[in-house]
Amino acid sequence: MDFCKDYSLPDWTSDFEQRKTSVSQLPYEEYTGPMEKSASDANNYRLIRLPNNLVVMCVQDADTEGAAAALSVDVGSNMDPVELQGLAHFLEHMLFMVGTKQPSFVTYAILRFLSANISILAIYVL
């Protein structure tokens, strides 16, 4: 079941304002339109779109001391070109070097940073 297919995203041509980060002055867009949420939901939400069109939802929970991040990319083996079957799986291995004894320096640096800064790391490939 694909839960993302049932969720309607905001109109991508309106309700986004151009912004820049405070320190680096990097551009992004922030959704300023209405967001639906339960009346009992005390969380604050922000929806931003990065220059590469990646959409990020930021959720602020005042009762939580930690932070969490999740990434869902709606592509996979079913999106592989006919002439490059297995491309998604290959790229997964290139990013996380699954099953190798010597990960690349970049992979090692990413995993080292993640293990030092988070309590749970879960990688799922569906």
PDB file of N, CA and C in Angstrom:
ATOM      1  N   MET A   1       0.843  -1.180   0.000  1.00  0.00           N
ATOM      2  CA  MET A   1       0.000   0.000   0.000  1.00  0.00           C
ATOM      3  C   MET A   1       0.887   1.241   0.000  1.00  0.00           C
ATOM      4  N   ASP A   2       0.598   2.176  -0.853  1.00  0.00           N
ATOM      5  CA  ASP A   2       1.382   3.395  -0.946  1.00  0.00           C
ATOM      6  C   ASP A   2       0.593   4.526  -0.308  1.00  0.00           C
ATOM      7  N   PHE A   3       0.996   4.906   0.893  1.00  0.00           N
ATOM      8  CA  PHE A   3       0.278   5.935   1.629  1.00  0.00           C
ATOM      9  C   PHE A   3       0.428   7.305   0.986  1.00  0.00           C
ATOM     10  N   CYS A   4       1.553   7.545   0.305  1.00  0.00           N
ATOM     11  CA  CYS A   4       1.785   8.846  -0.308  1.00  0.00           C
ATOM     12  C   CYS A   4       0.801   9.121  -1.433  1.00  0.00           C
ATOM     13  N   LYS A   5       0.332   8.093  -2.101  1.00  0.00           N
ATOM     14  CA  LYS A   5      -0.587   8.284  -3.223  1.00  0.00           C
ATOM     15  C   LYS A   5      -1.940   8.843  -2.751  1.00  0.00           C
ATOM     16  N   ASP A   6      -2.309   8.560  -1.488  1.00  0.00           N
ATOM     17  CA  ASP A   6      -3.592   9.022  -0.963  1.00  0.00           C
ATOM     18  C   ASP A   6      -3.530  10.443  -0.421  1.00  0.00           C
ATOM     19  N   TYR A   7      -2.336  10.972  -0.236  1.00  0.00           N
ATOM     20  CA  TYR A   7      -2.158  12.296   0.332  1.00  0.00           C
ATOM     21  C   TYR A   7      -2.014  13.305  -0.777  1.00  0.00           C
ATOM     22  N   SER A   8      -2.813  14.340  -0.779  1.00  0.00           N
ATOM     23  CA  SER A   8      -2.703  15.349  -1.816  1.00  0.00           C
ATOM     24  C   SER A   8      -1.783  16.468  -1.333  1.00  0.00           C
ATOM     25  N   LEU A   9      -0.737  16.712  -2.089  1.00  0.00           N
ATOM     26  CA  LEU A   9       0.217  17.754  -1.752  1.00  0.00           C
ATOM     27  C   LEU A   9      -0.332  19.112  -2.166  1.00  0.00           C
ATOM     28  N   PRO A  10       0.227  20.162  -1.608  1.00  0.00           N
ATOM     29  CA  PRO A  10      -0.234  21.506  -1.967  1.00  0.00           C
ATOM     30  C   PRO A  10      -0.003  21.808  -3.443  1.00  0.00           C
ATOM     31  N   ASP A  11      -0.702  22.804  -3.922  1.00  0.00           N
ATOM     32  CA  ASP A  11      -0.503  23.277  -5.288  1.00  0.00           C
ATOM     33  C   ASP A  11       0.931  23.795  -5.406  1.00  0.00           C
ATOM     34  N   TRP A  12       1.717  23.184  -6.305  1.00  0.00           N
ATOM     35  CA  TRP A  12       3.137  23.513  -6.391  1.00  0.00           C
ATOM     36  C   TRP A  12       3.396  24.846  -7.086  1.00  0.00           C
ATOM     37  N   THR A  13       2.388  25.466  -7.635  1.00  0.00           N
ATOM     38  CA  THR A  13       2.601  26.727  -8.343  1.00  0.00           C
ATOM     39  C   THR A  13       2.219  27.947  -7.519  1.00  0.00           C
ATOM     40  N   SER A  14       1.550  27.737  -6.398  1.00  0.00           N
ATOM     41  CA  SER A  14       1.168  28.880  -5.564  1.00  0.00           C
ATOM     42  C   SER A  14       1.376  28.522  -4.095  1.00  0.00           C
ATOM     43  N   ASP A  15       1.183  29.481  -3.243  1.00  0.00           N
ATOM     44  CA  ASP A  15       1.288  29.323  -1.791  1.00  0.00           C
ATOM     45  C   ASP A  15       2.697  28.993  -1.304  1.00  0.00           C
ATOM     46  N   PHE A  16       3.723  29.221  -2.132  1.00  0.00           N
ATOM     47  CA  PHE A  16       5.110  29.074  -1.690  1.00  0.00           C
ATOM     48  C   PHE A  16       5.784  30.429  -1.815  1.00  0.00           C
ATOM     49  N   GLU A  17       6.504  30.840  -0.776  1.00  0.00           N
ATOM     50  CA  GLU A  17       7.236  32.101  -0.799  1.00  0.00           C
ATOM     51  C   GLU A  17       8.729  31.836  -0.823  1.00  0.00           C
ATOM     52  N   GLN A  18       9.445  32.637  -1.604  1.00  0.00           N
ATOM     53  CA  GLN A  18      10.899  32.533  -1.676  1.00  0.00           C
ATOM     54  C   GLN A  18      11.498  33.006  -0.350  1.00  0.00           C
ATOM     55  N   ARG A  19      12.444  32.229   0.178  1.00  0.00           N
ATOM     56  CA  ARG A  19      13.136  32.586   1.424  1.00  0.00           C
ATOM     57  C   ARG A  19      14.616  32.262   1.263  1.00  0.00           C
ATOM     58  N   LYS A  20      15.415  32.707   2.227  1.00  0.00           N
ATOM     59  CA  LYS A  20      16.840  32.351   2.296  1.00  0.00           C
ATOM     60  C   LYS A  20      17.174  32.014   3.744  1.00  0.00           C
ATOM     61  N   THR A  21      18.107  31.072   3.914  1.00  0.00           N
ATOM     62  CA  THR A  21      18.540  30.732   5.262  1.00  0.00           C
ATOM     63  C   THR A  21      19.251  31.935   5.867  1.00  0.00           C
ATOM     64  N   SER A  22      19.183  32.038   7.200  1.00  0.00           N
ATOM     65  CA  SER A  22      19.688  33.241   7.862  1.00  0.00           C
ATOM     66  C   SER A  22      21.199  33.404   7.777  1.00  0.00           C
ATOM     67  N   VAL A  23      21.949  32.328   7.905  1.00  0.00           N
ATOM     68  CA  VAL A  23      23.406  32.440   7.935  1.00  0.00           C
ATOM     69  C   VAL A  23      24.012  32.333   6.539  1.00  0.00           C
ATOM     70  N   SER A  24      23.701  31.253   5.830  1.00  0.00           N
ATOM     71  CA  SER A  24      24.338  30.990   4.530  1.00  0.00           C
ATOM     72  C   SER A  24      23.644  31.655   3.356  1.00  0.00           C
ATOM     73  N   GLN A  25      22.458  32.201   3.584  1.00  0.00           N
ATOM     74  CA  GLN A  25      21.676  32.833   2.518  1.00  0.00           C
ATOM     75  C   GLN A  25      21.357  31.872   1.377  1.00  0.00           C
ATOM     76  N   LEU A  26      21.135  30.580   1.723  1.00  0.00           N
ATOM     77  CA  LEU A  26      20.764  29.590   0.723  1.00  0.00           C
ATOM     78  C   LEU A  26      19.275  29.702   0.429  1.00  0.00           C
ATOM     79  N   PRO A  27      18.880  29.618  -0.838  1.00  0.00           N
ATOM     80  CA  PRO A  27      17.468  29.799  -1.190  1.00  0.00           C
ATOM     81  C   PRO A  27      16.634  28.548  -0.908  1.00  0.00           C
ATOM     82  N   TYR A  28      15.387  28.775  -0.552  1.00  0.00           N
ATOM     83  CA  TYR A  28      14.391  27.720  -0.436  1.00  0.00           C
ATOM     84  C   TYR A  28      13.024  28.380  -0.516  1.00  0.00           C
ATOM     85  N   GLU A  29      11.985  27.582  -0.616  1.00  0.00           N
ATOM     86  CA  GLU A  29      10.620  28.105  -0.633  1.00  0.00           C
ATOM     87  C   GLU A  29       9.871  27.532   0.555  1.00  0.00           C
ATOM     88  N   GLU A  30       9.023  28.351   1.161  1.00  0.00           N
ATOM     89  CA  GLU A  30       8.218  27.888   2.292  1.00  0.00           C
ATOM     90  C   GLU A  30       6.741  27.984   1.944  1.00  0.00           C
ATOM     91  N   TYR A  31       6.035  26.911   2.247  1.00  0.00           N
ATOM     92  CA  TYR A  31       4.593  26.861   1.991  1.00  0.00           C
ATOM     93  C   TYR A  31       3.889  27.770   2.995  1.00  0.00           C
ATOM     94  N   THR A  32       3.047  28.666   2.504  1.00  0.00           N
ATOM     95  CA  THR A  32       2.345  29.609   3.378  1.00  0.00           C
ATOM     96  C   THR A  32       0.832  29.408   3.364  1.00  0.00           C
ATOM     97  N   GLY A  33       0.378  28.412   2.631  1.00  0.00           N
ATOM     98  CA  GLY A  33      -1.052  28.138   2.560  1.00  0.00           C
ATOM     99  C   GLY A  33      -1.545  27.398   3.791  1.00  0.00           C
ATOM    100  N   PRO A  34      -2.823  27.101   3.820  1.00  0.00           N
ATOM    101  CA  PRO A  34      -3.393  26.402   4.982  1.00  0.00           C
ATOM    102  C   PRO A  34      -2.953  24.942   5.041  1.00  0.00           C
ATOM    103  N   MET A  35      -2.754  24.437   6.260  1.00  0.00           N
ATOM    104  CA  MET A  35      -2.445  23.017   6.475  1.00  0.00           C
ATOM    105  C   MET A  35      -3.513  22.443   7.383  1.00  0.00           C
ATOM    106  N   GLU A  36      -3.988  21.276   7.003  1.00  0.00           N
ATOM    107  CA  GLU A  36      -4.992  20.606   7.819  1.00  0.00           C
ATOM    108  C   GLU A  36      -4.311  19.779   8.892  1.00  0.00           C
ATOM    109  N   LYS A  37      -4.821  19.885  10.126  1.00  0.00           N
ATOM    110  CA  LYS A  37      -4.345  19.034  11.207  1.00  0.00           C
ATOM    111  C   LYS A  37      -5.457  18.909  12.237  1.00  0.00           C
ATOM    112  N   SER A  38      -5.338  17.912  13.073  1.00  0.00           N
ATOM    113  CA  SER A  38      -6.334  17.667  14.099  1.00  0.00           C
ATOM    114  C   SER A  38      -6.370  18.827  15.097  1.00  0.00           C
ATOM    115  N   ALA A  39      -7.529  19.120  15.625  1.00  0.00           N
ATOM    116  CA  ALA A  39      -7.664  20.181  16.624  1.00  0.00           C
ATOM    117  C   ALA A  39      -6.871  19.863  17.882  1.00  0.00           C
ATOM    118  N   SER A  40      -6.643  18.594  18.158  1.00  0.00           N
ATOM    119  CA  SER A  40      -5.896  18.201  19.356  1.00  0.00           C
ATOM    120  C   SER A  40      -4.384  18.126  19.112  1.00  0.00           C
ATOM    121  N   ASP A  41      -3.945  18.416  17.891  1.00  0.00           N
ATOM    122  CA  ASP A  41      -2.522  18.358  17.540  1.00  0.00           C
ATOM    123  C   ASP A  41      -1.863  19.679  17.911  1.00  0.00           C
ATOM    124  N   ALA A  42      -0.964  19.656  18.903  1.00  0.00           N
ATOM    125  CA  ALA A  42      -0.286  20.872  19.364  1.00  0.00           C
ATOM    126  C   ALA A  42       1.030  21.131  18.629  1.00  0.00           C
ATOM    127  N   ASN A  43       1.414  20.263  17.718  1.00  0.00           N
ATOM    128  CA  ASN A  43       2.671  20.426  17.001  1.00  0.00           C
ATOM    129  C   ASN A  43       2.606  21.577  16.014  1.00  0.00           C
ATOM    130  N   ASN A  44       3.774  22.167  15.739  1.00  0.00           N
ATOM    131  CA  ASN A  44       3.900  23.196  14.709  1.00  0.00           C
ATOM    132  C   ASN A  44       4.513  22.552  13.473  1.00  0.00           C
ATOM    133  N   TYR A  45       4.005  22.916  12.296  1.00  0.00           N
ATOM    134  CA  TYR A  45       4.450  22.311  11.044  1.00  0.00           C
ATOM    135  C   TYR A  45       4.945  23.385  10.083  1.00  0.00           C
ATOM    136  N   ARG A  46       6.000  23.060   9.346  1.00  0.00           N
ATOM    137  CA  ARG A  46       6.489  23.896   8.249  1.00  0.00           C
ATOM    138  C   ARG A  46       6.751  22.977   7.069  1.00  0.00           C
ATOM    139  N   LEU A  47       6.393  23.426   5.896  1.00  0.00           N
ATOM    140  CA  LEU A  47       6.631  22.674   4.672  1.00  0.00           C
ATOM    141  C   LEU A  47       7.527  23.540   3.798  1.00  0.00           C
ATOM    142  N   ILE A  48       8.712  23.032   3.472  1.00  0.00           N
ATOM    143  CA  ILE A  48       9.633  23.794   2.645  1.00  0.00           C
ATOM    144  C   ILE A  48      10.023  22.974   1.424  1.00  0.00           C
ATOM    145  N   ARG A  49      10.369  23.684   0.362  1.00  0.00           N
ATOM    146  CA  ARG A  49      10.831  23.046  -0.870  1.00  0.00           C
ATOM    147  C   ARG A  49      12.234  23.572  -1.153  1.00  0.00           C
ATOM    148  N   LEU A  50      13.170  22.651  -1.313  1.00  0.00           N
ATOM    149  CA  LEU A  50      14.562  23.001  -1.585  1.00  0.00           C
ATOM    150  C   LEU A  50      14.760  23.262  -3.073  1.00  0.00           C
ATOM    151  N   PRO A  51      15.880  23.879  -3.458  1.00  0.00           N
ATOM    152  CA  PRO A  51      16.112  24.173  -4.881  1.00  0.00           C
ATOM    153  C   PRO A  51      16.081  22.940  -5.787  1.00  0.00           C
ATOM    154  N   ASN A  52      16.357  21.747  -5.240  1.00  0.00           N
ATOM    155  CA  ASN A  52      16.312  20.525  -6.054  1.00  0.00           C
ATOM    156  C   ASN A  52      14.916  19.901  -6.078  1.00  0.00           C
ATOM    157  N   ASN A  53      13.903  20.650  -5.598  1.00  0.00           N
ATOM    158  CA  ASN A  53      12.491  20.250  -5.538  1.00  0.00           C
ATOM    159  C   ASN A  53      12.184  19.206  -4.473  1.00  0.00           C
ATOM    160  N   LEU A  54      13.126  18.903  -3.603  1.00  0.00           N
ATOM    161  CA  LEU A  54      12.860  18.018  -2.476  1.00  0.00           C
ATOM    162  C   LEU A  54      11.993  18.782  -1.484  1.00  0.00           C
ATOM    163  N   VAL A  55      10.873  18.180  -1.081  1.00  0.00           N
ATOM    164  CA  VAL A  55       9.956  18.815  -0.142  1.00  0.00           C
ATOM    165  C   VAL A  55      10.208  18.230   1.241  1.00  0.00           C
ATOM    166  N   VAL A  56      10.340  19.099   2.221  1.00  0.00           N
ATOM    167  CA  VAL A  56      10.660  18.710   3.591  1.00  0.00           C
ATOM    168  C   VAL A  56       9.563  19.213   4.507  1.00  0.00           C
ATOM    169  N   MET A  57       9.051  18.316   5.360  1.00  0.00           N
ATOM    170  CA  MET A  57       8.096  18.742   6.374  1.00  0.00           C
ATOM    171  C   MET A  57       8.811  18.766   7.714  1.00  0.00           C
ATOM    172  N   CYS A  58       8.824  19.920   8.350  1.00  0.00           N
ATOM    173  CA  CYS A  58       9.436  20.081   9.663  1.00  0.00           C
ATOM    174  C   CYS A  58       8.327  20.078  10.701  1.00  0.00           C
ATOM    175  N   VAL A  59       8.480  19.252  11.725  1.00  0.00           N
ATOM    176  CA  VAL A  59       7.481  19.133  12.777  1.00  0.00           C
ATOM    177  C   VAL A  59       8.148  19.500  14.093  1.00  0.00           C
ATOM    178  N   GLN A  60       7.588  20.469  14.790  1.00  0.00           N
ATOM    179  CA  GLN A  60       8.126  20.874  16.084  1.00  0.00           C
ATOM    180  C   GLN A  60       7.167  20.415  17.177  1.00  0.00           C
ATOM    181  N   ASP A  61       7.697  19.591  18.081  1.00  0.00           N
ATOM    182  CA  ASP A  61       6.943  19.089  19.219  1.00  0.00           C
ATOM    183  C   ASP A  61       7.607  19.648  20.467  1.00  0.00           C
ATOM    184  N   ALA A  62       6.952  20.571  21.151  1.00  0.00           N
ATOM    185  CA  ALA A  62       7.530  21.237  22.317  1.00  0.00           C
ATOM    186  C   ALA A  62       7.802  20.271  23.463  1.00  0.00           C
ATOM    187  N   ASP A  63       7.161  19.113  23.475  1.00  0.00           N
ATOM    188  CA  ASP A  63       7.343  18.143  24.559  1.00  0.00           C
ATOM    189  C   ASP A  63       8.487  17.171  24.300  1.00  0.00           C
ATOM    190  N   THR A  64       9.202  17.317  23.189  1.00  0.00           N
ATOM    191  CA  THR A  64      10.265  16.384  22.825  1.00  0.00           C
ATOM    192  C   THR A  64      11.619  17.071  22.925  1.00  0.00           C
ATOM    193  N   GLU A  65      12.586  16.372  23.519  1.00  0.00           N
ATOM    194  CA  GLU A  65      13.929  16.920  23.648  1.00  0.00           C
ATOM    195  C   GLU A  65      14.817  16.565  22.465  1.00  0.00           C
ATOM    196  N   GLY A  66      14.504  15.519  21.748  1.00  0.00           N
ATOM    197  CA  GLY A  66      15.339  15.058  20.651  1.00  0.00           C
ATOM    198  C   GLY A  66      14.832  15.545  19.314  1.00  0.00           C
ATOM    199  N   ALA A  67      15.446  15.019  18.287  1.00  0.00           N
ATOM    200  CA  ALA A  67      15.060  15.349  16.919  1.00  0.00           C
ATOM    201  C   ALA A  67      15.043  14.062  16.099  1.00  0.00           C
ATOM    202  N   ALA A  68      14.304  14.084  15.013  1.00  0.00           N
ATOM    203  CA  ALA A  68      14.220  12.915  14.138  1.00  0.00           C
ATOM    204  C   ALA A  68      14.122  13.393  12.699  1.00  0.00           C
ATOM    205  N   ALA A  69      14.508  12.537  11.795  1.00  0.00           N
ATOM    206  CA  ALA A  69      14.392  12.841  10.370  1.00  0.00           C
ATOM    207  C   ALA A  69      14.033  11.564   9.640  1.00  0.00           C
ATOM    208  N   ALA A  70      13.240  11.712   8.596  1.00  0.00           N
ATOM    209  CA  ALA A  70      12.873  10.574   7.761  1.00  0.00           C
ATOM    210  C   ALA A  70      12.882  11.048   6.316  1.00  0.00           C
ATOM    211  N   LEU A  71      13.208  10.149   5.431  1.00  0.00           N
ATOM    212  CA  LEU A  71      13.231  10.462   4.013  1.00  0.00           C
ATOM    213  C   LEU A  71      12.527   9.349   3.268  1.00  0.00           C
ATOM    214  N   SER A  72      11.569   9.721   2.467  1.00  0.00           N
ATOM    215  CA  SER A  72      10.874   8.748   1.645  1.00  0.00           C
ATOM    216  C   SER A  72      11.022   9.177   0.197  1.00  0.00           C
ATOM    217  N   VAL A  73      11.643   8.342  -0.579  1.00  0.00           N
ATOM    218  CA  VAL A  73      11.830   8.619  -1.992  1.00  0.00           C
ATOM    219  C   VAL A  73      10.944   7.648  -2.756  1.00  0.00           C
ATOM    220  N   ASP A  74       9.988   8.183  -3.482  1.00  0.00           N
ATOM    221  CA  ASP A  74       8.989   7.351  -4.143  1.00  0.00           C
ATOM    222  C   ASP A  74       9.509   6.816  -5.481  1.00  0.00           C
ATOM    223  N   VAL A  75      10.669   6.177  -5.423  1.00  0.00           N
ATOM    224  CA  VAL A  75      11.225   5.500  -6.589  1.00  0.00           C
ATOM    225  C   VAL A  75      11.846   4.204  -6.117  1.00  0.00           C
ATOM    226  N   GLY A  76      12.161   3.349  -7.006  1.00  0.00           N
ATOM    227  CA  GLY A  76      12.775   2.073  -6.658  1.00  0.00           C
ATOM    228  C   GLY A  76      12.933   1.243  -7.904  1.00  0.00           C
ATOM    229  N   SER A  77      12.980  -0.060  -7.712  1.00  0.00           N
ATOM    230  CA  SER A  77      13.245  -0.957  -8.838  1.00  0.00           C
ATOM    231  C   SER A  77      12.175  -0.856  -9.919  1.00  0.00           C
ATOM    232  N   ASN A  78      10.955  -0.500  -9.536  1.00  0.00           N
ATOM    233  CA  ASN A  78       9.909  -0.373 -10.550  1.00  0.00           C
ATOM    234  C   ASN A  78      10.110   0.854 -11.439  1.00  0.00           C
ATOM    235  N   MET A  79      11.055   1.725 -11.073  1.00  0.00           N
ATOM    236  CA  MET A  79      11.348   2.907 -11.879  1.00  0.00           C
ATOM    237  C   MET A  79      12.636   2.735 -12.698  1.00  0.00           C
ATOM    238  N   ASP A  80      13.294   1.577 -12.573  1.00  0.00           N
ATOM    239  CA  ASP A  80      14.526   1.330 -13.331  1.00  0.00           C
ATOM    240  C   ASP A  80      14.240   1.358 -14.824  1.00  0.00           C
ATOM    241  N   PRO A  81      15.127   1.982 -15.611  1.00  0.00           N
ATOM    242  CA  PRO A  81      14.978   1.908 -17.072  1.00  0.00           C
ATOM    243  C   PRO A  81      15.103   0.454 -17.534  1.00  0.00           C
ATOM    244  N   VAL A  82      14.419   0.097 -18.591  1.00  0.00           N
ATOM    245  CA  VAL A  82      14.434  -1.272 -19.099  1.00  0.00           C
ATOM    246  C   VAL A  82      15.860  -1.748 -19.349  1.00  0.00           C
ATOM    247  N   GLU A  83      16.695  -0.862 -19.872  1.00  0.00           N
ATOM    248  CA  GLU A  83      18.069  -1.254 -20.199  1.00  0.00           C
ATOM    249  C   GLU A  83      19.002  -1.259 -18.987  1.00  0.00           C
ATOM    250  N   LEU A  84      18.531  -0.809 -17.821  1.00  0.00           N
ATOM    251  CA  LEU A  84      19.364  -0.764 -16.611  1.00  0.00           C
ATOM    252  C   LEU A  84      18.636  -1.368 -15.415  1.00  0.00           C
ATOM    253  N   GLN A  85      18.078  -2.547 -15.571  1.00  0.00           N
ATOM    254  CA  GLN A  85      17.395  -3.212 -14.468  1.00  0.00           C
ATOM    255  C   GLN A  85      18.385  -3.445 -13.328  1.00  0.00           C
ATOM    256  N   GLY A  86      17.976  -3.156 -12.092  1.00  0.00           N
ATOM    257  CA  GLY A  86      18.846  -3.304 -10.934  1.00  0.00           C
ATOM    258  C   GLY A  86      19.538  -2.015 -10.535  1.00  0.00           C
ATOM    259  N   LEU A  87      19.258  -0.915 -11.248  1.00  0.00           N
ATOM    260  CA  LEU A  87      19.919   0.360 -10.980  1.00  0.00           C
ATOM    261  C   LEU A  87      19.628   0.866  -9.565  1.00  0.00           C
ATOM    262  N   ALA A  88      18.381   0.801  -9.112  1.00  0.00           N
ATOM    263  CA  ALA A  88      18.034   1.292  -7.768  1.00  0.00           C
ATOM    264  C   ALA A  88      18.783   0.510  -6.700  1.00  0.00           C
ATOM    265  N   HIS A  89      18.859  -0.791  -6.857  1.00  0.00           N
ATOM    266  CA  HIS A  89      19.568  -1.625  -5.885  1.00  0.00           C
ATOM    267  C   HIS A  89      21.061  -1.319  -5.908  1.00  0.00           C
ATOM    268  N   PHE A  90      21.606  -1.115  -7.081  1.00  0.00           N
ATOM    269  CA  PHE A  90      23.021  -0.765  -7.211  1.00  0.00           C
ATOM    270  C   PHE A  90      23.316   0.556  -6.501  1.00  0.00           C
ATOM    271  N   LEU A  91      22.452   1.556  -6.698  1.00  0.00           N
ATOM    272  CA  LEU A  91      22.658   2.855  -6.060  1.00  0.00           C
ATOM    273  C   LEU A  91      22.536   2.756  -4.545  1.00  0.00           C
ATOM    274  N   GLU A  92      21.657   1.886  -4.054  1.00  0.00           N
ATOM    275  CA  GLU A  92      21.568   1.656  -2.609  1.00  0.00           C
ATOM    276  C   GLU A  92      22.907   1.156  -2.085  1.00  0.00           C
ATOM    277  N   HIS A  93      23.503   0.212  -2.798  1.00  0.00           N
ATOM    278  CA  HIS A  93      24.807  -0.314  -2.382  1.00  0.00           C
ATOM    279  C   HIS A  93      25.893   0.753  -2.488  1.00  0.00           C
ATOM    280  N   MET A  94      25.825   1.599  -3.491  1.00  0.00           N
ATOM    281  CA  MET A  94      26.824   2.656  -3.632  1.00  0.00           C
ATOM    282  C   MET A  94      26.732   3.654  -2.487  1.00  0.00           C
ATOM    283  N   LEU A  95      25.517   3.932  -2.007  1.00  0.00           N
ATOM    284  CA  LEU A  95      25.354   4.898  -0.924  1.00  0.00           C
ATOM    285  C   LEU A  95      25.753   4.323   0.417  1.00  0.00           C
ATOM    286  N   PHE A  96      25.304   3.124   0.718  1.00  0.00           N
ATOM    287  CA  PHE A  96      25.527   2.563   2.051  1.00  0.00           C
ATOM    288  C   PHE A  96      26.517   1.407   2.068  1.00  0.00           C
ATOM    289  N   MET A  97      27.025   1.019   0.897  1.00  0.00           N
ATOM    290  CA  MET A  97      28.019  -0.057   0.809  1.00  0.00           C
ATOM    291  C   MET A  97      27.574  -1.284   1.605  1.00  0.00           C
ATOM    292  N   VAL A  98      26.336  -1.675   1.421  1.00  0.00           N
ATOM    293  CA  VAL A  98      25.774  -2.814   2.133  1.00  0.00           C
ATOM    294  C   VAL A  98      26.514  -4.080   1.736  1.00  0.00           C
ATOM    295  N   GLY A  99      26.967  -4.817   2.741  1.00  0.00           N
ATOM    296  CA  GLY A  99      27.597  -6.103   2.484  1.00  0.00           C
ATOM    297  C   GLY A  99      29.077  -6.037   2.153  1.00  0.00           C
ATOM    298  N   THR A 100      29.706  -4.876   2.270  1.00  0.00           N
ATOM    299  CA  THR A 100      31.135  -4.801   1.999  1.00  0.00           C
ATOM    300  C   THR A 100      31.906  -4.678   3.304  1.00  0.00           C
ATOM    301  N   LYS A 101      33.150  -5.146   3.283  1.00  0.00           N
ATOM    302  CA  LYS A 101      33.986  -5.072   4.482  1.00  0.00           C
ATOM    303  C   LYS A 101      34.639  -3.705   4.626  1.00  0.00           C
ATOM    304  N   GLN A 102      34.888  -3.019   3.531  1.00  0.00           N
ATOM    305  CA  GLN A 102      35.549  -1.725   3.556  1.00  0.00           C
ATOM    306  C   GLN A 102      34.659  -0.663   2.926  1.00  0.00           C
ATOM    307  N   PRO A 103      33.851   0.048   3.731  1.00  0.00           N
ATOM    308  CA  PRO A 103      33.021   1.103   3.136  1.00  0.00           C
ATOM    309  C   PRO A 103      33.894   2.257   2.638  1.00  0.00           C
ATOM    310  N   SER A 104      33.360   3.002   1.691  1.00  0.00           N
ATOM    311  CA  SER A 104      34.097   4.151   1.170  1.00  0.00           C
ATOM    312  C   SER A 104      34.257   5.195   2.267  1.00  0.00           C
ATOM    313  N   PHE A 105      35.179   6.120   2.061  1.00  0.00           N
ATOM    314  CA  PHE A 105      35.411   7.172   3.044  1.00  0.00           C
ATOM    315  C   PHE A 105      34.143   7.989   3.262  1.00  0.00           C
ATOM    316  N   VAL A 106      33.435   8.320   2.163  1.00  0.00           N
ATOM    317  CA  VAL A 106      32.205   9.114   2.275  1.00  0.00           C
ATOM    318  C   VAL A 106      31.154   8.345   3.059  1.00  0.00           C
ATOM    319  N   THR A 107      30.961   7.072   2.734  1.00  0.00           N
ATOM    320  CA  THR A 107      29.994   6.258   3.463  1.00  0.00           C
ATOM    321  C   THR A 107      30.381   6.162   4.933  1.00  0.00           C
ATOM    322  N   TYR A 108      31.653   5.951   5.201  1.00  0.00           N
ATOM    323  CA  TYR A 108      32.129   5.868   6.581  1.00  0.00           C
ATOM    324  C   TYR A 108      31.852   7.179   7.314  1.00  0.00           C
ATOM    325  N   ALA A 109      32.123   8.310   6.668  1.00  0.00           N
ATOM    326  CA  ALA A 109      31.897   9.613   7.300  1.00  0.00           C
ATOM    327  C   ALA A 109      30.415   9.838   7.588  1.00  0.00           C
ATOM    328  N   ILE A 110      29.555   9.452   6.641  1.00  0.00           N
ATOM    329  CA  ILE A 110      28.109   9.610   6.842  1.00  0.00           C
ATOM    330  C   ILE A 110      27.644   8.747   8.005  1.00  0.00           C
ATOM    331  N   LEU A 111      28.017   7.468   7.996  1.00  0.00           N
ATOM    332  CA  LEU A 111      27.577   6.566   9.061  1.00  0.00           C
ATOM    333  C   LEU A 111      28.171   6.954  10.405  1.00  0.00           C
ATOM    334  N   ARG A 112      29.407   7.446  10.422  1.00  0.00           N
ATOM    335  CA  ARG A 112      30.026   7.896  11.677  1.00  0.00           C
ATOM    336  C   ARG A 112      29.268   9.090  12.243  1.00  0.00           C
ATOM    337  N   PHE A 113      28.940  10.054  11.382  1.00  0.00           N
ATOM    338  CA  PHE A 113      28.171  11.215  11.833  1.00  0.00           C
ATOM    339  C   PHE A 113      26.813  10.782  12.372  1.00  0.00           C
ATOM    340  N   LEU A 114      26.129   9.906  11.621  1.00  0.00           N
ATOM    341  CA  LEU A 114      24.807   9.459  12.052  1.00  0.00           C
ATOM    342  C   LEU A 114      24.869   8.720  13.377  1.00  0.00           C
ATOM    343  N   SER A 115      25.842   7.829  13.535  1.00  0.00           N
ATOM    344  CA  SER A 115      25.913   7.064  14.783  1.00  0.00           C
ATOM    345  C   SER A 115      26.272   7.945  15.969  1.00  0.00           C
ATOM    346  N   ALA A 116      26.993   9.032  15.743  1.00  0.00           N
ATOM    347  CA  ALA A 116      27.352   9.936  16.831  1.00  0.00           C
ATOM    348  C   ALA A 116      26.214  10.870  17.207  1.00  0.00           C
ATOM    349  N   ASN A 117      25.253  11.045  16.300  1.00  0.00           N
ATOM    350  CA  ASN A 117      24.227  12.054  16.522  1.00  0.00           C
ATOM    351  C   ASN A 117      22.807  11.527  16.621  1.00  0.00           C
ATOM    352  N   ILE A 118      22.611  10.251  16.405  1.00  0.00           N
ATOM    353  CA  ILE A 118      21.261   9.709  16.500  1.00  0.00           C
ATOM    354  C   ILE A 118      21.279   8.427  17.310  1.00  0.00           C
ATOM    355  N   SER A 119      20.117   8.068  17.811  1.00  0.00           N
ATOM    356  CA  SER A 119      20.032   6.851  18.613  1.00  0.00           C
ATOM    357  C   SER A 119      19.572   5.655  17.795  1.00  0.00           C
ATOM    358  N   ILE A 120      18.865   5.866  16.711  1.00  0.00           N
ATOM    359  CA  ILE A 120      18.354   4.768  15.896  1.00  0.00           C
ATOM    360  C   ILE A 120      18.591   5.110  14.424  1.00  0.00           C
ATOM    361  N   LEU A 121      19.165   4.172  13.694  1.00  0.00           N
ATOM    362  CA  LEU A 121      19.325   4.325  12.251  1.00  0.00           C
ATOM    363  C   LEU A 121      18.656   3.137  11.589  1.00  0.00           C
ATOM    364  N   ALA A 122      17.660   3.408  10.802  1.00  0.00           N
ATOM    365  CA  ALA A 122      16.961   2.328  10.115  1.00  0.00           C
ATOM    366  C   ALA A 122      16.945   2.658   8.634  1.00  0.00           C
ATOM    367  N   ILE A 123      17.395   1.732   7.822  1.00  0.00           N
ATOM    368  CA  ILE A 123      17.387   1.906   6.378  1.00  0.00           C
ATOM    369  C   ILE A 123      16.494   0.821   5.809  1.00  0.00           C
ATOM    370  N   TYR A 124      15.460   1.239   5.112  1.00  0.00           N
ATOM    371  CA  TYR A 124      14.538   0.298   4.505  1.00  0.00           C
ATOM    372  C   TYR A 124      14.508   0.533   3.009  1.00  0.00           C
ATOM    373  N   VAL A 125      14.621  -0.505   2.259  1.00  0.00           N
ATOM    374  CA  VAL A 125      14.463  -0.433   0.815  1.00  0.00           C
ATOM    375  C   VAL A 125      13.288  -1.320   0.473  1.00  0.00           C
ATOM    376  N   LEU A 126      12.221  -0.698  -0.018  1.00  0.00           N
ATOM    377  CA  LEU A 126      11.007  -1.445  -0.331  1.00  0.00           C
ATOM    378  C   LEU A 126      10.945  -1.779  -1.794  1.00  0.00           C
TER     379      LEU A 126
END
